[in-house]
Full PDB file with SEQRES, HELIX, SHEET, SSBOND, CRYST1, ORIGX, SCALE, CONECT and MASTER records, all heavy atoms in Angstrom:
SEQRES   1 A   37  ALA LEU THR VAL PRO THR CYS PRO ALA ARG GLU GLN MET          
SEQRES   2 A   37  ALA ALA ASN ALA ARG GLN VAL LEU ALA ALA LEU PRO ASP          
SEQRES   3 A   37  VAL LYS GLN VAL GLU ILE ALA PHE GLY MET MET                  
HELIX    1 AA1 ARG A   10  ALA A   22  1                                  13    
CRYST1    1.000    1.000    1.000  90.00  90.00  90.00 P 1           1          
ORIGX1      1.000000  0.000000  0.000000        0.00000                         
ORIGX2      0.000000  1.000000  0.000000        0.00000                         
ORIGX3      0.000000  0.000000  1.000000        0.00000                         
SCALE1      1.000000  0.000000  0.000000        0.00000                         
SCALE2      0.000000  1.000000  0.000000        0.00000                         
SCALE3      0.000000  0.000000  1.000000        0.00000                         
ATOM      1  N   ALA A   1      82.237 134.265 174.211  1.00  0.00           N  
ATOM      2  CA  ALA A   1      81.353 134.959 173.272  1.00  0.00           C  
ATOM      3  C   ALA A   1      81.968 134.941 171.877  1.00  0.00           C  
ATOM      4  O   ALA A   1      83.034 135.524 171.658  1.00  0.00           O  
ATOM      5  CB  ALA A   1      81.108 136.388 173.731  1.00  0.00           C  
ATOM      6  N   LEU A   2      81.312 134.284 170.940  1.00  0.00           N  
ATOM      7  CA  LEU A   2      81.818 134.131 169.581  1.00  0.00           C  
ATOM      8  C   LEU A   2      81.338 135.272 168.697  1.00  0.00           C  
ATOM      9  O   LEU A   2      80.281 135.862 168.927  1.00  0.00           O  
ATOM     10  CB  LEU A   2      81.348 132.797 168.997  1.00  0.00           C  
ATOM     11  CG  LEU A   2      81.680 131.542 169.815  1.00  0.00           C  
ATOM     12  CD1 LEU A   2      80.944 130.335 169.245  1.00  0.00           C  
ATOM     13  CD2 LEU A   2      83.177 131.298 169.849  1.00  0.00           C  
ATOM     14  N   THR A   3      82.136 135.564 167.654  1.00  0.00           N  
ATOM     15  CA  THR A   3      81.724 136.612 166.714  1.00  0.00           C  
ATOM     16  C   THR A   3      80.621 136.117 165.793  1.00  0.00           C  
ATOM     17  O   THR A   3      79.752 136.878 165.385  1.00  0.00           O  
ATOM     18  CB  THR A   3      82.923 137.087 165.878  1.00  0.00           C  
ATOM     19  OG1 THR A   3      83.563 135.946 165.285  1.00  0.00           O  
ATOM     20  CG2 THR A   3      83.921 137.835 166.734  1.00  0.00           C  
ATOM     21  N   VAL A   4      80.672 134.829 165.446  1.00  0.00           N  
ATOM     22  CA  VAL A   4      79.599 134.214 164.657  1.00  0.00           C  
ATOM     23  C   VAL A   4      79.292 132.850 165.272  1.00  0.00           C  
ATOM     24  O   VAL A   4      80.190 132.171 165.775  1.00  0.00           O  
ATOM     25  CB  VAL A   4      79.997 134.040 163.168  1.00  0.00           C  
ATOM     26  CG1 VAL A   4      80.096 135.381 162.476  1.00  0.00           C  
ATOM     27  CG2 VAL A   4      81.293 133.263 163.021  1.00  0.00           C  
ATOM     28  N   PRO A   5      78.030 132.410 165.251  1.00  0.00           N  
ATOM     29  CA  PRO A   5      77.678 131.146 165.926  1.00  0.00           C  
ATOM     30  C   PRO A   5      78.340 129.926 165.309  1.00  0.00           C  
ATOM     31  O   PRO A   5      78.542 128.920 165.988  1.00  0.00           O  
ATOM     32  CB  PRO A   5      76.151 131.076 165.776  1.00  0.00           C  
ATOM     33  CG  PRO A   5      75.822 131.999 164.645  1.00  0.00           C  
ATOM     34  CD  PRO A   5      76.846 133.085 164.687  1.00  0.00           C  
ATOM     35  N   THR A   6      78.689 130.006 164.020  1.00  0.00           N  
ATOM     36  CA  THR A   6      79.291 128.857 163.337  1.00  0.00           C  
ATOM     37  C   THR A   6      80.813 128.924 163.330  1.00  0.00           C  
ATOM     38  O   THR A   6      81.452 128.274 162.508  1.00  0.00           O  
ATOM     39  CB  THR A   6      78.783 128.784 161.893  1.00  0.00           C  
ATOM     40  OG1 THR A   6      79.032 130.046 161.251  1.00  0.00           O  
ATOM     41  CG2 THR A   6      77.303 128.481 161.848  1.00  0.00           C  
ATOM     42  N   CYS A   7      81.394 129.688 164.242  1.00  0.00           N  
ATOM     43  CA  CYS A   7      82.852 129.865 164.283  1.00  0.00           C  
ATOM     44  C   CYS A   7      83.557 128.507 164.247  1.00  0.00           C  
ATOM     45  O   CYS A   7      83.373 127.683 165.156  1.00  0.00           O  
ATOM     46  CB  CYS A   7      83.250 130.612 165.550  1.00  0.00           C  
ATOM     47  SG  CYS A   7      85.033 130.731 165.801  1.00  0.00           S  
ATOM     48  N   PRO A   8      84.376 128.234 163.217  1.00  0.00           N  
ATOM     49  CA  PRO A   8      85.015 126.921 163.101  1.00  0.00           C  
ATOM     50  C   PRO A   8      86.089 126.657 164.144  1.00  0.00           C  
ATOM     51  O   PRO A   8      86.497 125.523 164.333  1.00  0.00           O  
ATOM     52  CB  PRO A   8      85.610 126.948 161.690  1.00  0.00           C  
ATOM     53  CG  PRO A   8      85.810 128.393 161.384  1.00  0.00           C  
ATOM     54  CD  PRO A   8      84.704 129.112 162.083  1.00  0.00           C  
ATOM     55  N   ALA A   9      86.538 127.727 164.837  1.00  0.00           N  
ATOM     56  CA  ALA A   9      87.619 127.570 165.811  1.00  0.00           C  
ATOM     57  C   ALA A   9      87.115 127.481 167.247  1.00  0.00           C  
ATOM     58  O   ALA A   9      87.925 127.485 168.179  1.00  0.00           O  
ATOM     59  CB  ALA A   9      88.609 128.738 165.674  1.00  0.00           C  
ATOM     60  N   ARG A  10      85.807 127.409 167.447  1.00  0.00           N  
ATOM     61  CA  ARG A  10      85.252 127.475 168.806  1.00  0.00           C  
ATOM     62  C   ARG A  10      85.777 126.348 169.702  1.00  0.00           C  
ATOM     63  O   ARG A  10      86.167 126.589 170.843  1.00  0.00           O  
ATOM     64  CB  ARG A  10      83.719 127.471 168.769  1.00  0.00           C  
ATOM     65  CG  ARG A  10      83.120 126.319 167.990  1.00  0.00           C  
ATOM     66  CD  ARG A  10      81.604 126.446 167.862  1.00  0.00           C  
ATOM     67  NE  ARG A  10      80.947 126.053 169.120  1.00  0.00           N  
ATOM     68  CZ  ARG A  10      79.640 126.212 169.336  1.00  0.00           C  
ATOM     69  NH1 ARG A  10      78.880 126.759 168.399  1.00  0.00           N  
ATOM     70  NH2 ARG A  10      79.112 125.814 170.468  1.00  0.00           N  
ATOM     71  N   GLU A  11      85.758 125.106 169.182  1.00  0.00           N  
ATOM     72  CA  GLU A  11      86.203 123.976 170.003  1.00  0.00           C  
ATOM     73  C   GLU A  11      87.703 124.043 170.276  1.00  0.00           C  
ATOM     74  O   GLU A  11      88.171 123.692 171.362  1.00  0.00           O  
ATOM     75  CB  GLU A  11      85.845 122.659 169.325  1.00  0.00           C  
ATOM     76  CG  GLU A  11      84.353 122.438 169.135  1.00  0.00           C  
ATOM     77  CD  GLU A  11      83.580 122.404 170.453  1.00  0.00           C  
ATOM     78  OE1 GLU A  11      84.204 122.117 171.497  1.00  0.00           O  
ATOM     79  OE2 GLU A  11      82.365 122.666 170.436  1.00  0.00           O  
ATOM     80  N   GLN A  12      88.457 124.512 169.282  1.00  0.00           N  
ATOM     81  CA  GLN A  12      89.903 124.647 169.478  1.00  0.00           C  
ATOM     82  C   GLN A  12      90.210 125.675 170.557  1.00  0.00           C  
ATOM     83  O   GLN A  12      91.048 125.442 171.440  1.00  0.00           O  
ATOM     84  CB  GLN A  12      90.571 125.062 168.167  1.00  0.00           C  
ATOM     85  CG  GLN A  12      92.084 125.294 168.293  1.00  0.00           C  
ATOM     86  CD  GLN A  12      92.690 125.823 167.009  1.00  0.00           C  
ATOM     87  OE1 GLN A  12      92.116 125.708 165.930  1.00  0.00           O  
ATOM     88  NE2 GLN A  12      93.856 126.425 167.120  1.00  0.00           N  
ATOM     89  N   MET A  13      89.527 126.829 170.521  1.00  0.00           N  
ATOM     90  CA  MET A  13      89.756 127.862 171.531  1.00  0.00           C  
ATOM     91  C   MET A  13      89.343 127.380 172.915  1.00  0.00           C  
ATOM     92  O   MET A  13      90.033 127.643 173.905  1.00  0.00           O  
ATOM     93  CB  MET A  13      89.006 129.143 171.152  1.00  0.00           C  
ATOM     94  CG  MET A  13      89.590 129.857 169.942  1.00  0.00           C  
ATOM     95  SD  MET A  13      88.850 131.482 169.638  1.00  0.00           S  
ATOM     96  CE  MET A  13      87.197 131.015 169.096  1.00  0.00           C  
ATOM     97  N   ALA A  14      88.223 126.660 172.986  1.00  0.00           N  
ATOM     98  CA  ALA A  14      87.769 126.143 174.278  1.00  0.00           C  
ATOM     99  C   ALA A  14      88.761 125.130 174.840  1.00  0.00           C  
ATOM    100  O   ALA A  14      89.078 125.141 176.044  1.00  0.00           O  
ATOM    101  CB  ALA A  14      86.388 125.518 174.131  1.00  0.00           C  
ATOM    102  N   ALA A  15      89.270 124.267 173.981  1.00  0.00           N  
ATOM    103  CA  ALA A  15      90.252 123.270 174.432  1.00  0.00           C  
ATOM    104  C   ALA A  15      91.529 123.941 174.916  1.00  0.00           C  
ATOM    105  O   ALA A  15      92.105 123.550 175.947  1.00  0.00           O  
ATOM    106  CB  ALA A  15      90.562 122.302 173.291  1.00  0.00           C  
ATOM    107  N   ASN A  16      91.978 124.961 174.191  1.00  0.00           N  
ATOM    108  CA  ASN A  16      93.183 125.692 174.607  1.00  0.00           C  
ATOM    109  C   ASN A  16      92.960 126.414 175.933  1.00  0.00           C  
ATOM    110  O   ASN A  16      93.857 126.483 176.779  1.00  0.00           O  
ATOM    111  CB  ASN A  16      93.595 126.693 173.530  1.00  0.00           C  
ATOM    112  CG  ASN A  16      94.086 126.013 172.263  1.00  0.00           C  
ATOM    113  OD1 ASN A  16      94.384 124.825 172.276  1.00  0.00           O  
ATOM    114  ND2 ASN A  16      94.178 126.753 171.182  1.00  0.00           N  
ATOM    115  N   ALA A  17      91.763 126.948 176.114  1.00  0.00           N  
ATOM    116  CA  ALA A  17      91.450 127.639 177.364  1.00  0.00           C  
ATOM    117  C   ALA A  17      91.471 126.658 178.534  1.00  0.00           C  
ATOM    118  O   ALA A  17      92.009 126.955 179.618  1.00  0.00           O  
ATOM    119  CB  ALA A  17      90.090 128.318 177.262  1.00  0.00           C  
ATOM    120  N   ARG A  18      90.892 125.485 178.361  1.00  0.00           N  
ATOM    121  CA  ARG A  18      90.911 124.475 179.433  1.00  0.00           C  
ATOM    122  C   ARG A  18      92.338 124.066 179.779  1.00  0.00           C  
ATOM    123  O   ARG A  18      92.671 123.867 180.950  1.00  0.00           O  
ATOM    124  CB  ARG A  18      90.101 123.248 178.996  1.00  0.00           C  
ATOM    125  CG  ARG A  18      88.605 123.487 178.881  1.00  0.00           C  
ATOM    126  CD  ARG A  18      87.845 122.177 178.657  1.00  0.00           C  
ATOM    127  NE  ARG A  18      86.425 122.437 178.460  1.00  0.00           N  
ATOM    128  CZ  ARG A  18      85.848 122.552 177.276  1.00  0.00           C  
ATOM    129  NH1 ARG A  18      86.578 122.418 176.175  1.00  0.00           N  
ATOM    130  NH2 ARG A  18      84.557 122.787 177.176  1.00  0.00           N  
ATOM    131  N   GLN A  19      93.164 123.974 178.751  1.00  0.00           N  
ATOM    132  CA  GLN A  19      94.546 123.552 178.976  1.00  0.00           C  
ATOM    133  C   GLN A  19      95.323 124.569 179.801  1.00  0.00           C  
ATOM    134  O   GLN A  19      96.021 124.200 180.763  1.00  0.00           O  
ATOM    135  CB  GLN A  19      95.241 123.337 177.627  1.00  0.00           C  
ATOM    136  CG  GLN A  19      96.665 122.816 177.747  1.00  0.00           C  
ATOM    137  CD  GLN A  19      97.305 122.560 176.393  1.00  0.00           C  
ATOM    138  OE1 GLN A  19      96.754 122.890 175.361  1.00  0.00           O  
ATOM    139  NE2 GLN A  19      98.482 121.952 176.401  1.00  0.00           N  
ATOM    140  N   VAL A  20      95.216 125.857 179.458  1.00  0.00           N  
ATOM    141  CA  VAL A  20      95.989 126.866 180.197  1.00  0.00           C  
ATOM    142  C   VAL A  20      95.434 127.071 181.598  1.00  0.00           C  
ATOM    143  O   VAL A  20      96.194 127.346 182.543  1.00  0.00           O  
ATOM    144  CB  VAL A  20      96.042 128.216 179.430  1.00  0.00           C  
ATOM    145  CG1 VAL A  20      96.725 128.051 178.087  1.00  0.00           C  
ATOM    146  CG2 VAL A  20      94.660 128.828 179.264  1.00  0.00           C  
ATOM    147  N   LEU A  21      94.133 126.914 181.762  1.00  0.00           N  
ATOM    148  CA  LEU A  21      93.549 127.094 183.092  1.00  0.00           C  
ATOM    149  C   LEU A  21      93.839 125.897 183.994  1.00  0.00           C  
ATOM    150  O   LEU A  21      94.031 126.054 185.208  1.00  0.00           O  
ATOM    151  CB  LEU A  21      92.035 127.315 182.983  1.00  0.00           C  
ATOM    152  CG  LEU A  21      91.609 128.629 182.323  1.00  0.00           C  
ATOM    153  CD1 LEU A  21      90.090 128.708 182.221  1.00  0.00           C  
ATOM    154  CD2 LEU A  21      92.156 129.835 183.080  1.00  0.00           C  
ATOM    155  N   ALA A  22      93.888 124.715 183.425  1.00  0.00           N  
ATOM    156  CA  ALA A  22      94.191 123.518 184.218  1.00  0.00           C  
ATOM    157  C   ALA A  22      95.593 123.558 184.790  1.00  0.00           C  
ATOM    158  O   ALA A  22      95.884 122.891 185.802  1.00  0.00           O  
ATOM    159  CB  ALA A  22      94.002 122.269 183.359  1.00  0.00           C  
ATOM    160  N   ALA A  23      96.471 124.350 184.171  1.00  0.00           N  
ATOM    161  CA  ALA A  23      97.849 124.459 184.658  1.00  0.00           C  
ATOM    162  C   ALA A  23      97.971 125.396 185.855  1.00  0.00           C  
ATOM    163  O   ALA A  23      99.029 125.428 186.510  1.00  0.00           O  
ATOM    164  CB  ALA A  23      98.755 124.946 183.519  1.00  0.00           C  
ATOM    165  N   LEU A  24      96.916 126.151 186.170  1.00  0.00           N  
ATOM    166  CA  LEU A  24      96.960 127.056 187.315  1.00  0.00           C  
ATOM    167  C   LEU A  24      96.799 126.267 188.619  1.00  0.00           C  
ATOM    168  O   LEU A  24      96.119 125.239 188.657  1.00  0.00           O  
ATOM    169  CB  LEU A  24      95.837 128.100 187.205  1.00  0.00           C  
ATOM    170  CG  LEU A  24      95.939 129.080 186.029  1.00  0.00           C  
ATOM    171  CD1 LEU A  24      94.703 129.981 185.990  1.00  0.00           C  
ATOM    172  CD2 LEU A  24      97.203 129.926 186.136  1.00  0.00           C  
ATOM    173  N   PRO A  25      97.393 126.759 189.703  1.00  0.00           N  
ATOM    174  CA  PRO A  25      97.281 126.041 190.993  1.00  0.00           C  
ATOM    175  C   PRO A  25      95.845 126.029 191.514  1.00  0.00           C  
ATOM    176  O   PRO A  25      95.117 127.011 191.368  1.00  0.00           O  
ATOM    177  CB  PRO A  25      98.206 126.840 191.920  1.00  0.00           C  
ATOM    178  CG  PRO A  25      98.335 128.179 191.279  1.00  0.00           C  
ATOM    179  CD  PRO A  25      98.250 127.956 189.809  1.00  0.00           C  
ATOM    180  N   ASP A  26      95.461 124.900 192.079  1.00  0.00           N  
ATOM    181  CA  ASP A  26      94.169 124.730 192.755  1.00  0.00           C  
ATOM    182  C   ASP A  26      92.956 124.706 191.817  1.00  0.00           C  
ATOM    183  O   ASP A  26      91.819 124.722 192.288  1.00  0.00           O  
ATOM    184  CB  ASP A  26      93.954 125.829 193.821  1.00  0.00           C  
ATOM    185  CG  ASP A  26      95.048 125.831 194.868  1.00  0.00           C  
ATOM    186  OD1 ASP A  26      95.510 124.734 195.240  1.00  0.00           O  
ATOM    187  OD2 ASP A  26      95.465 126.930 195.292  1.00  0.00           O  
ATOM    188  N   VAL A  27      93.186 124.689 190.508  1.00  0.00           N  
ATOM    189  CA  VAL A  27      92.049 124.616 189.581  1.00  0.00           C  
ATOM    190  C   VAL A  27      91.677 123.137 189.381  1.00  0.00           C  
ATOM    191  O   VAL A  27      92.494 122.331 188.944  1.00  0.00           O  
ATOM    192  CB  VAL A  27      92.385 125.269 188.224  1.00  0.00           C  
ATOM    193  CG1 VAL A  27      91.254 125.017 187.220  1.00  0.00           C  
ATOM    194  CG2 VAL A  27      92.612 126.759 188.401  1.00  0.00           C  
ATOM    195  N   LYS A  28      90.429 122.805 189.712  1.00  0.00           N  
ATOM    196  CA  LYS A  28      89.965 121.421 189.644  1.00  0.00           C  
ATOM    197  C   LYS A  28      89.073 121.149 188.428  1.00  0.00           C  
ATOM    198  O   LYS A  28      89.023 120.034 187.923  1.00  0.00           O  
ATOM    199  CB  LYS A  28      89.169 121.062 190.910  1.00  0.00           C  
ATOM    200  CG  LYS A  28      89.900 121.351 192.209  1.00  0.00           C  
ATOM    201  CD  LYS A  28      91.170 120.514 192.332  1.00  0.00           C  
ATOM    202  CE  LYS A  28      91.847 120.767 193.691  1.00  0.00           C  
ATOM    203  NZ  LYS A  28      93.157 120.068 193.794  1.00  0.00           N  
ATOM    204  N   GLN A  29      88.363 122.183 187.975  1.00  0.00           N  
ATOM    205  CA  GLN A  29      87.398 121.983 186.901  1.00  0.00           C  
ATOM    206  C   GLN A  29      87.258 123.284 186.104  1.00  0.00           C  
ATOM    207  O   GLN A  29      87.311 124.373 186.658  1.00  0.00           O  
ATOM    208  CB  GLN A  29      86.036 121.574 187.490  1.00  0.00           C  
ATOM    209  CG  GLN A  29      84.969 121.265 186.447  1.00  0.00           C  
ATOM    210  CD  GLN A  29      83.643 120.902 187.092  1.00  0.00           C  
ATOM    211  OE1 GLN A  29      83.541 120.769 188.323  1.00  0.00           O  
ATOM    212  NE2 GLN A  29      82.606 120.741 186.286  1.00  0.00           N  
ATOM    213  N   VAL A  30      87.071 123.136 184.783  1.00  0.00           N  
ATOM    214  CA  VAL A  30      86.848 124.297 183.915  1.00  0.00           C  
ATOM    215  C   VAL A  30      85.576 124.053 183.114  1.00  0.00           C  
ATOM    216  O   VAL A  30      85.437 123.038 182.429  1.00  0.00           O  
ATOM    217  CB  VAL A  30      88.037 124.520 182.949  1.00  0.00           C  
ATOM    218  CG1 VAL A  30      87.738 125.707 182.018  1.00  0.00           C  
ATOM    219  CG2 VAL A  30      89.315 124.765 183.732  1.00  0.00           C  
ATOM    220  N   GLU A  31      84.652 124.969 183.212  1.00  0.00           N  
ATOM    221  CA  GLU A  31      83.375 124.840 182.501  1.00  0.00           C  
ATOM    222  C   GLU A  31      83.222 126.040 181.566  1.00  0.00           C  
ATOM    223  O   GLU A  31      83.268 127.196 182.008  1.00  0.00           O  
ATOM    224  CB  GLU A  31      82.223 124.795 183.502  1.00  0.00           C  
ATOM    225  CG  GLU A  31      80.860 124.580 182.869  1.00  0.00           C  
ATOM    226  CD  GLU A  31      79.769 124.477 183.917  1.00  0.00           C  
ATOM    227  OE1 GLU A  31      79.700 123.426 184.598  1.00  0.00           O  
ATOM    228  OE2 GLU A  31      79.005 125.459 184.069  1.00  0.00           O  
ATOM    229  N   ILE A  32      83.050 125.767 180.265  1.00  0.00           N  
ATOM    230  CA  ILE A  32      82.956 126.833 179.266  1.00  0.00           C  
ATOM    231  C   ILE A  32      81.642 126.702 178.507  1.00  0.00           C  
ATOM    232  O   ILE A  32      81.329 125.641 177.955  1.00  0.00           O  
ATOM    233  CB  ILE A  32      84.135 126.768 178.268  1.00  0.00           C  
ATOM    234  CG1 ILE A  32      85.462 126.886 179.015  1.00  0.00           C  
ATOM    235  CG2 ILE A  32      84.016 127.879 177.218  1.00  0.00           C  
ATOM    236  CD1 ILE A  32      86.681 126.688 178.119  1.00  0.00           C  
ATOM    237  N   ALA A  33      80.876 127.785 178.511  1.00  0.00           N  
ATOM    238  CA  ALA A  33      79.651 127.851 177.710  1.00  0.00           C  
ATOM    239  C   ALA A  33      79.911 128.775 176.516  1.00  0.00           C  
ATOM    240  O   ALA A  33      80.765 129.667 176.588  1.00  0.00           O  
ATOM    241  CB  ALA A  33      78.493 128.383 178.551  1.00  0.00           C  
ATOM    242  N   PHE A  34      79.199 128.549 175.428  1.00  0.00           N  
ATOM    243  CA  PHE A  34      79.355 129.397 174.252  1.00  0.00           C  
ATOM    244  C   PHE A  34      78.225 130.417 174.185  1.00  0.00           C  
ATOM    245  O   PHE A  34      77.058 130.099 174.419  1.00  0.00           O  
ATOM    246  CB  PHE A  34      79.358 128.558 172.970  1.00  0.00           C  
ATOM    247  CG  PHE A  34      80.568 127.672 172.837  1.00  0.00           C  
ATOM    248  CD1 PHE A  34      80.462 126.296 172.977  1.00  0.00           C  
ATOM    249  CD2 PHE A  34      81.819 128.219 172.585  1.00  0.00           C  
ATOM    250  CE1 PHE A  34      81.571 125.475 172.855  1.00  0.00           C  
ATOM    251  CE2 PHE A  34      82.935 127.408 172.469  1.00  0.00           C  
ATOM    252  CZ  PHE A  34      82.815 126.037 172.604  1.00  0.00           C  
ATOM    253  N   GLY A  35      78.604 131.648 173.875  1.00  0.00           N  
ATOM    254  CA  GLY A  35      77.635 132.712 173.680  1.00  0.00           C  
ATOM    255  C   GLY A  35      77.907 133.435 172.379  1.00  0.00           C  
ATOM    256  O   GLY A  35      78.746 133.029 171.589  1.00  0.00           O  
ATOM    257  N   MET A  36      77.193 134.533 172.158  1.00  0.00           N  
ATOM    258  CA  MET A  36      77.339 135.299 170.924  1.00  0.00           C  
ATOM    259  C   MET A  36      77.527 136.772 171.233  1.00  0.00           C  
ATOM    260  O   MET A  36      76.890 137.324 172.126  1.00  0.00           O  
ATOM    261  CB  MET A  36      76.077 135.141 170.069  1.00  0.00           C  
ATOM    262  CG  MET A  36      76.168 134.027 169.053  1.00  0.00           C  
ATOM    263  SD  MET A  36      77.320 134.443 167.723  1.00  0.00           S  
ATOM    264  CE  MET A  36      76.463 135.813 166.986  1.00  0.00           C  
ATOM    265  N   MET A  37      78.446 137.407 170.503  1.00  0.00           N  
ATOM    266  CA  MET A  37      78.566 138.855 170.569  1.00  0.00           C  
ATOM    267  C   MET A  37      77.346 139.501 169.906  1.00  0.00           C  
ATOM    268  O   MET A  37      76.728 138.911 169.014  1.00  0.00           O  
ATOM    269  CB  MET A  37      79.824 139.327 169.842  1.00  0.00           C  
ATOM    270  CG  MET A  37      81.126 138.994 170.528  1.00  0.00           C  
ATOM    271  SD  MET A  37      82.510 139.762 169.623  1.00  0.00           S  
ATOM    272  CE  MET A  37      83.879 139.258 170.687  1.00  0.00           C  
TER     273      MET A  37                                                      
MASTER        0    0    0    1    0    0    0    6  272    1    0    3          
END                                                                             
């Protein structure tokens, strides 16, 4: 959930989230959708 729809850091945060979650055991896929506060 973004604070503003045009958040310039959205893709960076999503990429970082995929990276940290992929390092967890047994995680095969990470799917992230964007929403709005």
